[in-house]
Amino acid sequence: MGKVEFTKLSQHTGAEIKGVDLRRPIEPDIAREIYDIFVEHCVVLFRDQDLTQDDLVRATANFGDLADPGRPPEFRPVGMEKMNPQIMLITNIREDGKPIGALPDGEMWFHHDTIHRELPTKATMLYSVAVPTFGGETVFSNLFAAYKELPDDLRAKIDGRMARNAFSFNSTYKDDPNAVAARNEAIHPAVRTHEDNGRKAIYLNRLMSQQLIGLPEDESQAVLDRIFDHIEQPKYLYEHQWRKGDALMWDNRSSIHARKDFPADQIRLMWRTVIKGTQRPV
């Protein structure tokens, strides 16, 4: 029996880790066990944490090498100047009418973090410093489970096929007018084999996946729309209701996530770290 106590958060997606204070060093065997739970359930939750920025960076490093937040300096919000350079500030707080953080407002479509990069990040950790009284939930889908139950005709369309993925910073939906000029694009497999367990997961999402390579545009879009509807079914989802002091880590290789809308007049403030990918998607 393992040393780490956890409870499942939904049928397919998420596990809450019990009794771990992320301010304190984590023994390597405990970190390995938590990582294995993370790979199996796609998302792990640590409740009731009280972290400084440096604590968050150290906690994230238990599970891999940290990556740069990934924005060119000219596109970094002004609030980032006061942050640890390995942390992205996500908030709707404004100064002089301008957001001080990234992705400030409203709903955000389902996506994989950094699928638009040549070497996507392995994982993301998000820590809640301030949350609204309602709204702003983050919703996750397990793409191992979604691939396993994919209809045969759709599986035949995407197995072995590549897809083009793109993102303009601050986009929360396709053709978002609030996007900034900086844009990344990358081509990756539409089905990804996870390097830690060999399982296959759909590697497409509604926000960033633009086209299936080798299919006519109309057919590509029709297939993608069916894929998006399939992977966003409620049976695959875990909807996280944020509390102050939550730290949530998710696997960008096997899950997608989305943000629900929240009151514009209430503060939502999060700190985000990311873990480097160890190989290109295959």
Protein backbone atom coordinates (compact mmCIF):
# COMPACT_ATOMS: atom_id res chain seq x y z
CA MET A 1 0.00 0.00 0.00
CA GLY A 2 1.26 3.47 -0.86
CA LYS A 3 2.08 6.14 1.67
CA VAL A 4 0.02 8.88 -0.01
CA GLU A 5 -3.65 9.15 0.87
CA PHE A 6 -5.94 10.41 -1.89
CA THR A 7 -9.57 10.42 -2.96
CA LYS A 8 -10.94 10.49 -6.50
CA LEU A 9 -12.64 13.70 -7.54
CA SER A 10 -14.83 12.20 -10.29
CA GLN A 11 -15.27 8.95 -12.22
CA HIS A 12 -12.45 9.60 -14.68
CA THR A 13 -10.67 12.80 -13.74
CA GLY A 14 -8.86 14.13 -10.69
CA ALA A 15 -7.58 13.05 -7.28
CA GLU A 16 -7.26 15.04 -4.05
CA ILE A 17 -3.96 14.44 -2.25
CA LYS A 18 -4.34 14.40 1.54
CA GLY A 19 -1.92 15.52 4.23
CA VAL A 20 0.76 17.19 2.09
CA ASP A 21 2.03 20.67 2.97
CA LEU A 22 3.67 22.07 -0.14
CA ARG A 23 5.74 24.50 1.95
CA ARG A 24 7.77 21.59 3.27
CA PRO A 25 10.26 19.36 1.44
CA ILE A 26 8.68 16.25 -0.07
CA GLU A 27 10.66 13.02 0.15
CA PRO A 28 11.52 11.61 -3.29
CA ASP A 29 9.47 8.42 -2.80
CA ILE A 30 6.42 10.49 -1.80
CA ALA A 31 6.89 12.82 -4.77
CA ARG A 32 7.13 9.79 -7.07
CA GLU A 33 3.91 8.35 -5.66
CA ILE A 34 2.10 11.66 -6.07
CA TYR A 35 3.41 11.86 -9.64
CA ASP A 36 2.07 8.37 -10.40
CA ILE A 37 -1.36 9.39 -9.05
CA PHE A 38 -1.16 12.50 -11.20
CA VAL A 39 -0.40 10.49 -14.35
CA GLU A 40 -3.24 8.06 -13.64
CA HIS A 41 -5.89 10.70 -12.81
CA CYS A 42 -4.64 13.62 -14.98
CA VAL A 43 -5.25 16.16 -12.19
CA VAL A 44 -4.16 16.35 -8.54
CA LEU A 45 -5.47 18.79 -5.93
CA PHE A 46 -3.75 20.02 -2.76
CA ARG A 47 -6.20 21.89 -0.51
CA ASP A 48 -5.54 24.49 2.20
CA GLN A 49 -2.04 25.54 1.13
CA ASP A 50 -0.44 28.80 2.28
CA LEU A 51 2.31 29.48 -0.24
CA THR A 52 4.68 32.28 -1.09
CA GLN A 53 5.83 32.64 -4.67
CA ASP A 54 9.09 30.87 -3.83
CA ASP A 55 7.14 28.08 -2.10
CA LEU A 56 5.14 27.51 -5.27
CA VAL A 57 8.27 27.31 -7.40
CA ARG A 58 9.89 24.82 -4.98
CA ALA A 59 6.71 22.74 -4.78
CA THR A 60 6.41 22.54 -8.55
CA ALA A 61 10.05 21.47 -8.86
CA ASN A 62 9.24 18.27 -6.93
CA PHE A 63 7.65 16.97 -10.13
CA GLY A 64 9.98 18.21 -12.87
CA ASP A 65 12.09 21.07 -14.14
CA LEU A 66 10.26 24.37 -14.41
CA ALA A 67 9.76 25.99 -17.80
CA ASP A 68 9.68 29.68 -18.62
CA PRO A 69 6.12 31.13 -18.49
CA GLY A 70 6.51 31.52 -22.22
CA ARG A 71 5.62 35.08 -23.14
CA PRO A 72 7.97 37.45 -24.96
CA PRO A 73 8.87 40.36 -22.63
CA GLU A 74 6.95 42.86 -24.75
CA PHE A 75 3.74 40.87 -24.24
CA ARG A 76 4.04 40.31 -20.49
CA PRO A 77 1.46 42.17 -18.38
CA VAL A 78 2.82 44.87 -16.10
CA GLY A 79 2.07 42.83 -12.96
CA MET A 80 4.62 40.23 -14.02
CA GLU A 81 7.39 42.68 -13.10
CA LYS A 82 6.73 41.97 -9.42
CA MET A 83 6.50 38.20 -9.82
CA ASN A 84 9.06 35.44 -9.52
CA PRO A 85 10.19 35.06 -13.18
CA GLN A 86 8.98 31.44 -13.22
CA ILE A 87 5.41 32.40 -12.27
CA MET A 88 2.70 33.75 -14.54
CA LEU A 89 0.21 36.12 -12.92
CA ILE A 90 -3.40 35.43 -13.95
CA THR A 91 -5.84 38.03 -12.66
CA ASN A 92 -8.61 40.46 -13.60
CA ILE A 93 -7.15 43.24 -11.41
CA ARG A 94 -6.64 46.43 -13.40
CA GLU A 95 -4.50 49.52 -12.90
CA ASP A 96 -5.27 52.63 -14.94
CA GLY A 97 -7.88 50.57 -16.74
CA LYS A 98 -5.39 47.95 -17.97
CA PRO A 99 -5.11 44.34 -16.71
CA ILE A 100 -1.98 43.69 -14.66
CA GLY A 101 -2.12 39.94 -15.37
CA ALA A 102 -2.73 37.49 -18.18
CA LEU A 103 -6.08 36.04 -19.26
CA PRO A 104 -7.99 38.49 -17.09
CA ASP A 105 -11.67 37.95 -17.77
CA GLY A 106 -14.48 35.55 -18.42
CA GLU A 107 -14.91 32.14 -19.94
CA MET A 108 -12.06 30.32 -21.68
CA TRP A 109 -12.60 27.43 -24.10
CA PHE A 110 -11.15 23.96 -23.54
CA HIS A 111 -7.44 23.73 -24.38
CA HIS A 112 -4.10 22.06 -23.68
CA ASP A 113 -1.56 24.50 -22.25
CA THR A 114 1.23 25.16 -24.81
CA ILE A 115 0.11 22.64 -27.47
CA HIS A 116 1.02 25.51 -29.79
CA ARG A 117 4.74 25.13 -28.96
CA GLU A 118 7.22 22.78 -30.63
CA LEU A 119 8.00 21.30 -27.19
CA PRO A 120 4.82 21.63 -25.11
CA THR A 121 5.00 21.77 -21.33
CA LYS A 122 4.36 18.58 -19.40
CA ALA A 123 2.25 19.96 -16.58
CA THR A 124 0.78 23.12 -15.07
CA MET A 125 0.32 24.03 -11.42
CA LEU A 126 -2.17 26.77 -10.54
CA TYR A 127 -2.42 28.27 -7.05
CA SER A 128 -5.38 30.38 -5.92
CA VAL A 129 -4.50 33.57 -4.04
CA ALA A 130 -7.95 35.18 -4.30
CA VAL A 131 -11.17 33.78 -5.76
CA PRO A 132 -14.62 35.24 -6.49
CA THR A 133 -17.63 34.22 -4.42
CA PHE A 134 -18.96 32.27 -7.39
CA GLY A 135 -17.89 31.38 -10.92
CA GLY A 136 -14.39 30.98 -12.34
CA GLU A 137 -14.47 27.19 -12.04
CA THR A 138 -11.87 25.21 -13.98
CA VAL A 139 -13.23 22.17 -15.82
CA PHE A 140 -11.01 19.23 -16.83
CA SER A 141 -11.50 16.31 -19.21
CA ASN A 142 -9.58 13.01 -19.18
CA LEU A 143 -8.49 12.35 -22.77
CA PHE A 144 -7.31 8.80 -22.03
CA ALA A 145 -10.91 7.88 -21.27
CA ALA A 146 -12.24 9.92 -24.18
CA TYR A 147 -9.89 8.16 -26.64
CA LYS A 148 -10.83 4.72 -25.31
CA GLU A 149 -14.51 5.42 -26.05
CA LEU A 150 -13.98 7.28 -29.34
CA PRO A 151 -16.34 6.08 -32.12
CA ASP A 152 -14.54 3.91 -34.67
CA ASP A 153 -15.10 6.28 -37.60
CA LEU A 154 -13.53 9.19 -35.71
CA ARG A 155 -10.65 7.02 -34.51
CA ALA A 156 -9.91 6.11 -38.13
CA LYS A 157 -9.82 9.82 -39.06
CA ILE A 158 -7.27 10.86 -36.42
CA ASP A 159 -5.07 7.83 -35.68
CA GLY A 160 -1.68 8.53 -37.24
CA ARG A 161 -2.71 12.01 -38.41
CA MET A 162 -1.07 15.33 -37.55
CA ALA A 163 -2.87 18.51 -36.55
CA ARG A 164 -1.99 22.19 -36.70
CA ASN A 165 -2.38 24.05 -33.40
CA ALA A 166 -2.12 27.81 -32.89
CA PHE A 167 -2.64 30.38 -30.13
CA SER A 168 -2.50 34.15 -29.90
CA PHE A 169 -1.73 35.29 -26.36
CA ASN A 170 -4.73 36.27 -24.23
CA SER A 171 -7.19 34.45 -26.54
CA THR A 172 -10.01 32.80 -24.63
CA TYR A 173 -11.91 31.63 -27.72
CA LYS A 174 -11.19 31.38 -31.45
CA ASP A 175 -11.10 34.74 -33.24
CA ASP A 176 -10.99 36.57 -29.87
CA PRO A 177 -10.54 40.31 -30.56
CA ASN A 178 -8.66 40.68 -27.24
CA ALA A 179 -5.78 38.51 -28.51
CA VAL A 180 -2.41 40.20 -28.82
CA ALA A 181 -0.11 40.10 -31.83
CA ALA A 182 2.24 37.38 -30.54
CA ARG A 183 1.22 33.99 -31.95
CA ASN A 184 2.68 30.49 -31.82
CA GLU A 185 1.95 27.56 -34.11
CA ALA A 186 3.02 23.91 -33.98
CA ILE A 187 2.08 20.66 -35.69
CA HIS A 188 1.61 17.61 -33.44
CA PRO A 189 -0.04 14.18 -33.57
CA ALA A 190 -3.83 14.23 -33.16
CA VAL A 191 -3.44 11.21 -30.86
CA ARG A 192 -0.58 11.30 -28.36
CA THR A 193 1.11 8.33 -26.71
CA HIS A 194 1.89 9.21 -23.09
CA GLU A 195 5.57 8.63 -22.34
CA ASP A 196 4.97 7.63 -18.71
CA ASN A 197 2.41 4.87 -19.22
CA GLY A 198 2.15 4.18 -22.97
CA ARG A 199 -1.57 5.01 -23.06
CA LYS A 200 -3.09 6.96 -25.94
CA ALA A 201 -4.92 10.25 -25.47
CA ILE A 202 -6.65 12.56 -27.92
CA TYR A 203 -4.39 15.57 -28.49
CA LEU A 204 -6.85 18.09 -29.92
CA ASN A 205 -8.84 20.91 -28.33
CA ARG A 206 -11.48 23.46 -29.26
CA LEU A 207 -9.44 26.62 -28.63
CA MET A 208 -6.13 25.83 -30.30
CA SER A 209 -6.53 22.96 -32.79
CA GLN A 210 -7.00 24.51 -36.22
CA GLN A 211 -6.86 21.76 -38.84
CA LEU A 212 -6.22 18.06 -39.39
CA ILE A 213 -3.37 17.79 -41.87
CA GLY A 214 -4.27 16.02 -45.11
CA LEU A 215 -8.04 16.49 -44.92
CA PRO A 216 -9.98 19.07 -46.93
CA GLU A 217 -10.83 22.09 -44.79
CA ASP A 218 -14.56 21.36 -44.58
CA GLU A 219 -14.03 17.72 -43.68
CA SER A 220 -11.34 18.62 -41.16
CA GLN A 221 -13.63 21.07 -39.40
CA ALA A 222 -16.51 18.59 -39.33
CA VAL A 223 -14.29 15.92 -37.78
CA LEU A 224 -12.83 18.36 -35.26
CA ASP A 225 -16.27 19.55 -34.21
CA ARG A 226 -17.34 15.98 -33.50
CA ILE A 227 -14.11 15.33 -31.58
CA PHE A 228 -14.60 18.47 -29.48
CA ASP A 229 -18.18 17.51 -28.64
CA HIS A 230 -17.02 14.00 -27.70
CA ILE A 231 -14.18 15.01 -25.38
CA GLU A 232 -16.27 17.66 -23.63
CA GLN A 233 -19.02 15.23 -22.58
CA PRO A 234 -19.93 15.53 -18.87
CA LYS A 235 -18.97 11.92 -18.12
CA TYR A 236 -15.28 12.74 -18.70
CA LEU A 237 -15.27 16.00 -16.73
CA TYR A 238 -14.25 17.21 -13.29
CA GLU A 239 -15.36 20.74 -12.44
CA HIS A 240 -13.18 22.33 -9.79
CA GLN A 241 -14.78 24.84 -7.42
CA TRP A 242 -11.86 26.99 -6.31
CA ARG A 243 -11.16 27.86 -2.70
CA LYS A 244 -8.40 30.19 -1.52
CA GLY A 245 -5.26 28.13 -0.95
CA ASP A 246 -5.95 25.44 -3.56
CA ALA A 247 -3.00 24.19 -5.60
CA LEU A 248 -4.01 22.17 -8.63
CA MET A 249 -1.62 20.36 -10.99
CA TRP A 250 -2.74 18.92 -14.30
CA ASP A 251 -1.18 16.84 -17.07
CA ASN A 252 -1.07 18.71 -20.37
CA ARG A 253 -0.36 15.47 -22.23
CA SER A 254 -3.62 13.75 -21.30
CA SER A 255 -6.14 16.40 -20.28
CA ILE A 256 -7.78 19.60 -21.44
CA HIS A 257 -9.23 22.33 -19.27
CA ALA A 258 -11.58 25.29 -19.58
CA ARG A 259 -12.54 28.25 -17.40
CA LYS A 260 -16.08 29.32 -16.61
CA ASP A 261 -17.15 32.95 -16.44
CA PHE A 262 -17.07 34.88 -13.16
CA PRO A 263 -18.21 38.32 -11.89
CA ALA A 264 -16.14 41.10 -13.43
CA ASP A 265 -16.40 43.14 -10.23
CA GLN A 266 -14.82 40.42 -8.03
CA ILE A 267 -11.12 39.65 -7.81
CA ARG A 268 -9.69 36.41 -9.17
CA LEU A 269 -5.93 36.12 -8.67
CA MET A 270 -3.91 33.00 -9.50
CA TRP A 271 -0.23 32.10 -9.77
CA ARG A 272 0.78 29.61 -12.47
CA THR A 273 3.92 27.55 -12.92
CA VAL A 274 4.68 25.06 -15.72
CA ILE A 275 6.91 21.98 -15.98
CA LYS A 276 9.10 21.42 -19.02
CA GLY A 277 8.19 18.73 -21.50
CA THR A 278 10.77 15.99 -21.86
CA GLN A 279 10.02 15.05 -25.49
CA ARG A 280 8.02 16.14 -28.51
CA PRO A 281 4.56 14.54 -28.68
CA VAL A 282 4.59 11.14 -30.45
